[in-house]
Amino acid sequence: MKIEERFREVLDKTKGLGAVMLLDKEGEIILSAKKPELDLYDVELFGAQMAVLLAKEVEGQKMNFMFLKGEGGSAATLLLEQRYFLTMYFTERSFAGYAEKWMEELAVHVNREFF
């Protein structure tokens, strides 16, 4: 299955998921799938900001997963091979473990197709 199809499938079956993005090391979108009601520019900007945050090191230590939750939504970013990032934006509150489960599954497909 092509990764674009897999992104769309995960978007359609993951509760509360509004967008899923693959970003390069500069935070630029390579692939994405989003719900039609979300603005593409806002989704891309959000994904880039998440990638930039996760790319930062503290005393030489890198993080590989970040989860944020707010009153009306949640987001998660996973560091992939070669400093690529997978980001999910939820239009409702979600849980880190739930997001991480879907991201790890998607990472397998991304790694197969891209690396």
Protein backbone atom coordinates (compact mmCIF):
# COMPACT_ATOMS: atom_id res chain seq x y z
CA MET A 1 0.00 0.00 0.00
CA LYS A 2 1.35 3.42 -0.90
CA ILE A 3 2.08 5.70 2.03
CA GLU A 4 -0.43 8.31 0.79
CA GLU A 5 -3.17 5.69 0.94
CA ARG A 6 -2.04 4.59 4.39
CA PHE A 7 -2.13 8.20 5.67
CA ARG A 8 -5.71 8.56 4.40
CA GLU A 9 -6.74 5.22 5.91
CA VAL A 10 -5.31 6.14 9.33
CA LEU A 11 -6.92 9.59 9.12
CA ASP A 12 -10.30 8.02 8.44
CA LYS A 13 -10.19 5.40 11.20
CA THR A 14 -8.34 7.17 14.04
CA LYS A 15 -10.70 8.81 16.51
CA GLY A 16 -10.42 12.59 16.50
CA LEU A 17 -7.52 12.73 14.04
CA GLY A 18 -7.62 15.87 11.90
CA ALA A 19 -4.29 15.65 10.08
CA VAL A 20 -1.22 13.48 9.68
CA MET A 21 2.01 14.80 8.17
CA LEU A 22 5.47 13.64 7.17
CA LEU A 23 8.02 16.45 7.46
CA ASP A 24 11.67 16.73 6.52
CA LYS A 25 14.44 17.95 8.83
CA GLU A 26 13.63 21.58 8.01
CA GLY A 27 9.97 21.12 8.95
CA GLU A 28 8.73 21.16 5.35
CA ILE A 29 5.75 18.94 4.52
CA ILE A 30 6.58 15.97 2.30
CA LEU A 31 3.22 14.21 2.55
CA SER A 32 0.04 14.94 4.42
CA ALA A 33 -3.59 13.99 4.78
CA LYS A 34 -6.13 16.20 6.53
CA LYS A 35 -9.82 16.57 7.16
CA PRO A 36 -11.39 18.98 4.64
CA GLU A 37 -12.54 21.44 7.31
CA LEU A 38 -8.95 22.20 8.37
CA ASP A 39 -6.99 24.95 6.65
CA LEU A 40 -3.96 23.53 4.82
CA TYR A 41 -1.69 26.47 5.68
CA ASP A 42 -2.51 26.21 9.40
CA VAL A 43 -1.89 22.46 9.37
CA GLU A 44 1.45 22.85 7.58
CA LEU A 45 2.60 25.65 9.88
CA PHE A 46 1.62 23.66 12.97
CA GLY A 47 3.48 20.58 11.70
CA ALA A 48 6.60 22.62 11.02
CA GLN A 49 6.51 24.14 14.51
CA MET A 50 6.18 20.69 16.09
CA ALA A 51 9.15 19.39 14.08
CA VAL A 52 11.29 22.38 15.08
CA LEU A 53 10.48 21.83 18.76
CA LEU A 54 11.31 18.13 18.66
CA ALA A 55 14.54 18.77 16.73
CA LYS A 56 16.01 20.81 19.59
CA GLU A 57 18.60 19.21 21.83
CA VAL A 58 19.12 19.86 25.53
CA GLU A 59 22.70 19.26 26.65
CA GLY A 60 23.28 16.99 23.66
CA GLN A 61 20.22 14.85 24.37
CA LYS A 62 17.62 14.37 21.63
CA MET A 63 14.00 13.61 22.23
CA ASN A 64 12.18 11.25 19.88
CA PHE A 65 8.50 11.75 20.81
CA MET A 66 6.50 14.77 21.89
CA PHE A 67 2.83 15.01 22.87
CA LEU A 68 0.85 18.17 23.54
CA LYS A 69 -2.72 18.44 24.73
CA GLY A 70 -4.96 21.44 25.01
CA GLU A 71 -8.55 22.19 25.84
CA GLY A 72 -9.84 21.33 22.38
CA GLY A 73 -7.16 19.25 20.76
CA SER A 74 -3.93 17.30 20.96
CA ALA A 75 -0.85 16.77 18.85
CA ALA A 76 2.08 14.38 18.68
CA THR A 77 5.35 14.24 16.77
CA LEU A 78 7.68 11.28 16.35
CA LEU A 79 11.30 11.53 15.18
CA LEU A 80 12.01 9.09 12.35
CA GLU A 81 15.20 7.99 10.65
CA GLN A 82 17.40 10.61 8.99
CA ARG A 83 15.74 13.41 11.03
CA TYR A 84 12.33 13.17 9.40
CA PHE A 85 9.22 13.70 11.50
CA LEU A 86 5.74 12.24 11.65
CA THR A 87 3.13 14.60 13.16
CA MET A 88 -0.51 14.03 14.05
CA TYR A 89 -2.98 16.75 14.93
CA PHE A 90 -6.14 15.73 16.80
CA THR A 91 -9.23 17.94 16.72
CA GLU A 92 -10.15 16.73 20.20
CA ARG A 93 -8.23 15.69 23.29
CA SER A 94 -6.42 12.43 22.90
CA PHE A 95 -3.85 10.42 24.82
CA ALA A 96 -0.11 10.09 24.27
CA GLY A 97 -0.22 6.29 24.16
CA TYR A 98 -3.02 6.29 21.59
CA ALA A 99 -1.16 8.74 19.36
CA GLU A 100 2.13 6.91 19.76
CA LYS A 101 0.51 3.58 18.82
CA TRP A 102 -0.76 4.97 15.51
CA MET A 103 2.47 6.84 14.83
CA GLU A 104 4.63 3.77 15.37
CA GLU A 105 2.41 1.82 12.98
CA LEU A 106 2.67 4.56 10.36
CA ALA A 107 6.43 4.82 10.92
CA VAL A 108 6.82 1.22 9.75
CA HIS A 109 5.17 2.12 6.43
CA VAL A 110 7.13 5.36 6.06
CA ASN A 111 10.43 3.61 6.80
CA ARG A 112 9.65 0.93 4.20
CA GLU A 113 8.78 3.42 1.49
CA PHE A 114 11.30 6.18 2.16
CA PHE A 115 14.31 4.61 3.85
